[in-house]
N, C-alpha and C. Protein backbone atom coordinates (compact mmCIF):
# COMPACT_ATOMS: atom_id res chain seq x y z
N MET A 1 53.79 -41.97 -29.26
CA MET A 1 52.54 -41.19 -29.47
C MET A 1 51.57 -41.91 -30.31
N PHE A 2 50.24 -41.76 -29.83
CA PHE A 2 49.16 -42.34 -30.50
C PHE A 2 48.36 -41.37 -31.29
N ALA A 3 48.21 -41.60 -32.55
CA ALA A 3 47.15 -40.93 -33.27
C ALA A 3 45.79 -41.47 -33.44
N LEU A 4 44.82 -41.04 -32.77
CA LEU A 4 43.46 -41.56 -32.95
C LEU A 4 42.89 -40.89 -34.07
N ASN A 5 42.88 -41.65 -35.23
CA ASN A 5 42.57 -41.29 -36.70
C ASN A 5 41.09 -41.52 -36.96
N GLU A 6 40.26 -40.49 -37.02
CA GLU A 6 39.01 -40.73 -37.44
C GLU A 6 38.77 -41.29 -38.79
N GLY A 7 39.69 -41.06 -39.60
CA GLY A 7 39.65 -41.59 -40.94
C GLY A 7 39.76 -43.24 -41.07
N ALA A 8 40.05 -43.81 -39.98
CA ALA A 8 40.29 -45.10 -39.78
C ALA A 8 39.01 -45.74 -39.48
N ILE A 9 38.08 -45.10 -39.05
CA ILE A 9 36.81 -45.75 -38.66
C ILE A 9 35.71 -45.50 -39.60
N ARG A 10 34.78 -46.45 -39.40
CA ARG A 10 33.55 -46.21 -40.43
C ARG A 10 32.95 -45.04 -40.46
N GLN A 11 32.61 -44.37 -41.54
CA GLN A 11 31.94 -43.12 -41.81
C GLN A 11 30.54 -43.24 -41.07
N GLY A 12 30.33 -42.21 -40.11
CA GLY A 12 29.07 -42.08 -39.48
C GLY A 12 29.17 -42.63 -38.08
N GLN A 13 30.25 -43.43 -37.67
CA GLN A 13 30.51 -43.96 -36.54
C GLN A 13 30.89 -42.76 -35.58
N ASN A 14 30.55 -42.76 -34.22
CA ASN A 14 30.88 -41.67 -33.43
C ASN A 14 32.39 -42.14 -32.90
N PRO A 15 33.23 -41.07 -33.22
CA PRO A 15 34.68 -41.35 -32.97
C PRO A 15 34.87 -41.70 -31.34
N VAL A 16 34.24 -40.96 -30.71
CA VAL A 16 34.30 -41.22 -29.13
C VAL A 16 34.05 -42.65 -28.79
N GLY A 17 32.94 -43.20 -29.34
CA GLY A 17 32.65 -44.43 -29.09
C GLY A 17 33.62 -45.57 -29.85
N ALA A 18 34.04 -45.11 -30.95
CA ALA A 18 35.01 -46.10 -31.77
C ALA A 18 36.25 -46.06 -30.99
N PHE A 19 36.85 -45.14 -30.44
CA PHE A 19 38.08 -45.23 -29.74
C PHE A 19 37.96 -45.48 -28.29
N GLU A 20 36.78 -45.50 -27.66
CA GLU A 20 36.59 -45.91 -26.30
C GLU A 20 37.19 -47.29 -25.74
N PRO A 21 37.08 -48.43 -26.62
CA PRO A 21 37.70 -49.58 -26.15
C PRO A 21 39.23 -49.40 -26.08
N VAL A 22 39.78 -48.59 -26.87
CA VAL A 22 41.23 -48.30 -26.70
C VAL A 22 41.62 -47.48 -25.59
N THR A 23 40.96 -46.38 -25.70
CA THR A 23 41.30 -45.30 -24.65
C THR A 23 41.07 -45.68 -23.13
N THR A 24 40.17 -46.56 -23.01
CA THR A 24 39.77 -46.97 -21.68
C THR A 24 40.31 -48.20 -21.19
N SER A 25 41.17 -48.87 -22.01
CA SER A 25 41.81 -50.02 -21.63
C SER A 25 42.98 -49.76 -20.68
N ALA A 26 43.31 -50.71 -19.97
CA ALA A 26 44.32 -50.53 -18.99
C ALA A 26 45.61 -50.45 -19.65
N ASP A 27 45.97 -51.18 -20.57
CA ASP A 27 47.21 -50.99 -21.28
C ASP A 27 47.53 -49.46 -21.80
N PHE A 28 46.37 -49.15 -22.37
CA PHE A 28 46.49 -47.58 -23.12
C PHE A 28 46.77 -46.64 -21.71
N MET A 29 45.94 -46.81 -20.75
CA MET A 29 46.12 -45.92 -19.65
C MET A 29 47.52 -45.88 -19.11
N ALA A 30 48.01 -47.07 -18.89
CA ALA A 30 49.44 -47.44 -18.39
C ALA A 30 50.45 -46.77 -19.32
N ILE A 31 50.31 -46.87 -20.60
CA ILE A 31 51.17 -46.27 -21.52
C ILE A 31 51.05 -44.74 -21.38
N MET A 32 49.86 -44.05 -21.30
CA MET A 32 49.78 -42.75 -21.16
C MET A 32 50.34 -42.17 -19.92
N ALA A 33 50.14 -42.98 -18.83
CA ALA A 33 50.71 -42.56 -17.51
C ALA A 33 52.19 -42.54 -17.48
N ASP A 34 52.80 -43.47 -18.51
CA ASP A 34 54.18 -43.60 -18.56
C ASP A 34 54.76 -42.47 -19.74
N SER A 35 54.22 -41.33 -19.69
CA SER A 35 54.44 -40.27 -20.69
C SER A 35 54.27 -40.40 -22.04
N ALA A 36 53.33 -41.22 -22.53
CA ALA A 36 53.03 -41.36 -23.94
C ALA A 36 52.03 -40.18 -24.12
N SER A 37 51.87 -39.69 -25.41
CA SER A 37 50.87 -38.62 -25.61
C SER A 37 49.84 -39.29 -26.78
N ALA A 38 48.64 -38.64 -26.90
CA ALA A 38 47.77 -38.97 -27.94
C ALA A 38 47.20 -37.83 -28.41
N ILE A 39 47.05 -37.86 -29.87
CA ILE A 39 46.30 -36.75 -30.61
C ILE A 39 45.29 -37.37 -31.31
N TYR A 40 44.22 -36.52 -31.58
CA TYR A 40 43.07 -36.89 -32.17
C TYR A 40 43.24 -36.33 -33.71
N VAL A 41 43.01 -37.11 -34.85
CA VAL A 41 43.22 -36.67 -36.04
C VAL A 41 41.76 -36.82 -36.82
N PRO A 42 41.11 -35.67 -37.08
CA PRO A 42 39.66 -35.59 -37.70
C PRO A 42 39.61 -36.25 -39.10
N ARG A 43 38.77 -36.70 -39.54
CA ARG A 43 38.38 -37.16 -40.85
C ARG A 43 38.59 -36.03 -41.90
N LEU A 44 39.19 -36.27 -43.02
CA LEU A 44 39.24 -35.38 -44.02
C LEU A 44 38.45 -35.90 -45.11
N SER A 45 37.25 -35.54 -45.56
CA SER A 45 36.39 -36.07 -46.48
C SER A 45 37.06 -36.21 -47.89
N ILE A 46 37.85 -35.41 -48.21
CA ILE A 46 38.40 -35.52 -49.74
C ILE A 46 39.81 -36.22 -49.80
N LEU A 47 40.18 -36.80 -48.67
CA LEU A 47 41.41 -37.35 -48.57
C LEU A 47 41.70 -38.50 -49.72
N GLU A 48 40.63 -39.23 -49.90
CA GLU A 48 40.82 -40.20 -51.08
C GLU A 48 41.17 -39.44 -52.54
N GLU A 49 40.31 -38.55 -52.69
CA GLU A 49 40.67 -37.73 -53.94
C GLU A 49 41.89 -37.06 -53.96
N LEU A 50 42.51 -36.61 -52.79
CA LEU A 50 43.67 -36.15 -52.81
C LEU A 50 44.85 -37.24 -53.12
N ARG A 51 44.69 -38.37 -52.47
CA ARG A 51 45.51 -39.49 -52.71
C ARG A 51 45.62 -39.78 -54.14
N LYS A 52 44.47 -40.02 -54.75
CA LYS A 52 44.29 -40.42 -56.18
C LYS A 52 45.05 -39.53 -57.04
N SER A 53 44.94 -38.15 -56.63
CA SER A 53 45.68 -37.00 -57.42
C SER A 53 46.93 -36.85 -57.20
N ARG A 54 47.55 -37.48 -55.97
CA ARG A 54 48.80 -37.43 -55.56
C ARG A 54 49.28 -36.00 -55.16
N LEU A 55 48.39 -35.49 -54.37
CA LEU A 55 48.48 -34.22 -53.83
C LEU A 55 49.04 -34.08 -52.63
N ASP A 56 49.70 -32.91 -52.27
CA ASP A 56 50.52 -32.66 -50.98
C ASP A 56 49.33 -31.71 -50.29
N PHE A 57 49.24 -31.97 -48.92
CA PHE A 57 48.20 -31.17 -48.03
C PHE A 57 48.60 -29.64 -48.33
N TYR A 58 49.80 -29.26 -48.01
CA TYR A 58 50.23 -27.91 -47.97
C TYR A 58 50.03 -27.29 -49.33
N SER A 59 50.36 -28.03 -50.28
CA SER A 59 50.28 -27.46 -51.66
C SER A 59 48.73 -27.22 -52.00
N VAL A 60 47.99 -28.09 -51.64
CA VAL A 60 46.45 -27.90 -51.90
C VAL A 60 46.06 -26.64 -51.13
N ALA A 61 46.36 -26.69 -49.85
CA ALA A 61 46.06 -25.56 -49.04
C ALA A 61 46.46 -24.17 -49.55
N ALA A 62 47.60 -24.24 -50.18
CA ALA A 62 48.13 -22.90 -50.80
C ALA A 62 47.71 -22.77 -52.25
N ARG A 63 46.85 -23.65 -52.82
CA ARG A 63 46.47 -23.62 -54.07
C ARG A 63 47.55 -23.53 -55.13
N GLU A 64 48.55 -24.30 -54.86
CA GLU A 64 49.68 -24.39 -55.92
C GLU A 64 49.32 -25.15 -56.97
N PRO A 65 49.85 -24.95 -58.18
CA PRO A 65 49.46 -25.68 -59.43
C PRO A 65 49.72 -27.08 -59.10
N MET A 66 48.96 -27.95 -59.67
CA MET A 66 48.93 -29.41 -59.64
C MET A 66 49.71 -29.70 -60.99
N ALA A 67 49.99 -31.02 -61.18
CA ALA A 67 50.93 -31.66 -62.32
C ALA A 67 50.47 -31.07 -63.60
N ASP A 68 49.18 -30.85 -63.80
CA ASP A 68 48.46 -30.51 -65.14
C ASP A 68 48.45 -29.09 -65.33
N GLY A 69 48.94 -28.26 -64.24
CA GLY A 69 49.04 -26.87 -64.36
C GLY A 69 47.86 -26.22 -63.71
N SER A 70 46.74 -26.86 -63.58
CA SER A 70 45.54 -26.33 -62.77
C SER A 70 45.69 -26.26 -61.38
N ARG A 71 44.87 -25.37 -60.72
CA ARG A 71 45.09 -25.18 -59.32
C ARG A 71 43.98 -26.07 -58.56
N PRO A 72 44.18 -26.52 -57.32
CA PRO A 72 43.24 -27.26 -56.66
C PRO A 72 41.97 -26.29 -56.44
N ARG A 73 40.68 -27.05 -56.36
CA ARG A 73 39.60 -26.24 -56.11
C ARG A 73 39.74 -25.48 -54.90
N ALA A 74 39.06 -24.39 -54.80
CA ALA A 74 38.96 -23.52 -53.68
C ALA A 74 38.45 -24.30 -52.54
N THR A 75 37.44 -24.84 -52.62
CA THR A 75 36.71 -25.77 -51.57
C THR A 75 37.77 -26.70 -50.93
N TRP A 76 38.63 -27.32 -51.83
CA TRP A 76 39.48 -28.24 -51.30
C TRP A 76 40.51 -27.35 -50.40
N ALA A 77 41.08 -26.34 -50.95
CA ALA A 77 41.99 -25.67 -50.08
C ALA A 77 41.34 -25.27 -48.75
N HIS A 78 40.16 -24.75 -48.89
CA HIS A 78 39.41 -24.46 -47.50
C HIS A 78 39.35 -25.64 -46.59
N MET A 79 38.85 -26.73 -47.08
CA MET A 79 38.82 -27.90 -46.24
C MET A 79 40.14 -28.39 -45.66
N VAL A 80 41.23 -28.38 -46.54
CA VAL A 80 42.43 -28.75 -46.21
C VAL A 80 43.08 -27.86 -45.20
N ASN A 81 42.91 -26.56 -45.53
CA ASN A 81 43.38 -25.53 -44.43
C ASN A 81 42.78 -25.77 -43.10
N LYS A 82 41.45 -25.94 -43.01
CA LYS A 82 40.73 -26.34 -41.65
C LYS A 82 41.38 -27.44 -41.06
N TRP A 83 41.51 -28.55 -41.95
CA TRP A 83 41.98 -29.76 -41.31
C TRP A 83 43.39 -29.68 -40.71
N LEU A 84 44.25 -29.01 -41.62
CA LEU A 84 45.76 -28.81 -41.13
C LEU A 84 45.62 -28.02 -39.83
N GLY A 85 44.84 -26.99 -39.88
CA GLY A 85 44.78 -26.14 -38.39
C GLY A 85 44.34 -26.99 -37.32
N ASP A 86 43.42 -27.92 -37.53
CA ASP A 86 42.91 -28.68 -36.41
C ASP A 86 43.98 -29.75 -36.17
N VAL A 87 44.65 -30.25 -36.97
CA VAL A 87 45.64 -31.37 -36.66
C VAL A 87 46.82 -30.64 -36.00
N GLU A 88 47.26 -29.62 -36.54
CA GLU A 88 48.39 -28.88 -36.07
C GLU A 88 48.05 -28.34 -34.52
N GLY A 89 46.99 -27.91 -34.35
CA GLY A 89 46.42 -27.49 -33.06
C GLY A 89 46.60 -28.76 -32.08
N HIS A 90 46.08 -29.91 -32.43
CA HIS A 90 46.08 -31.01 -31.61
C HIS A 90 47.62 -31.37 -31.23
N ILE A 91 48.48 -31.28 -32.32
CA ILE A 91 49.87 -31.56 -32.21
C ILE A 91 50.47 -30.62 -31.05
N ALA A 92 50.21 -29.42 -31.18
CA ALA A 92 50.77 -28.21 -30.34
C ALA A 92 50.28 -28.51 -28.95
N THR A 93 48.95 -28.61 -28.70
CA THR A 93 48.30 -28.92 -27.62
C THR A 93 48.94 -30.11 -26.72
N ALA A 94 49.25 -31.05 -27.55
CA ALA A 94 49.83 -32.37 -26.92
C ALA A 94 51.37 -32.19 -26.78
N ALA A 95 51.87 -31.26 -27.30
CA ALA A 95 53.44 -30.79 -27.14
C ALA A 95 54.19 -31.99 -27.84
N VAL A 96 53.67 -32.57 -28.98
CA VAL A 96 54.39 -33.78 -29.61
C VAL A 96 55.11 -33.23 -30.96
N GLY A 97 55.15 -32.06 -31.21
CA GLY A 97 55.76 -31.68 -32.53
C GLY A 97 57.11 -32.24 -32.82
N SER A 98 57.77 -32.39 -31.91
CA SER A 98 59.16 -33.18 -32.13
C SER A 98 59.06 -34.46 -32.56
N ARG A 99 57.91 -35.21 -32.39
CA ARG A 99 57.68 -36.60 -32.60
C ARG A 99 56.97 -36.77 -33.95
N VAL A 100 56.55 -35.77 -34.54
CA VAL A 100 55.78 -35.85 -35.94
C VAL A 100 56.57 -35.49 -36.96
N PRO A 101 56.62 -36.36 -38.14
CA PRO A 101 57.37 -35.95 -39.22
C PRO A 101 56.83 -34.73 -40.03
């Protein structure tokens, strides 16, 4: 399974254009024809803040208390809920749920 991760490209770069050299290559097409799957993972603009705070996506989405007892910002919960919905939707559409940890 391939994850086309928008977070791995430069901000402001068009994801379609950024992934085009990969997705149009003969090797990629051959692998896809041989039963591989690919999903698109959109950028999560607050990812670095979540990493620094050592926060779990699902805990943030549920606004569970953080280590200091405070709850994640409501805007973070909204953003993460949307992002999780998008990613989980791509996983379901590609039918690769059994291959994702």
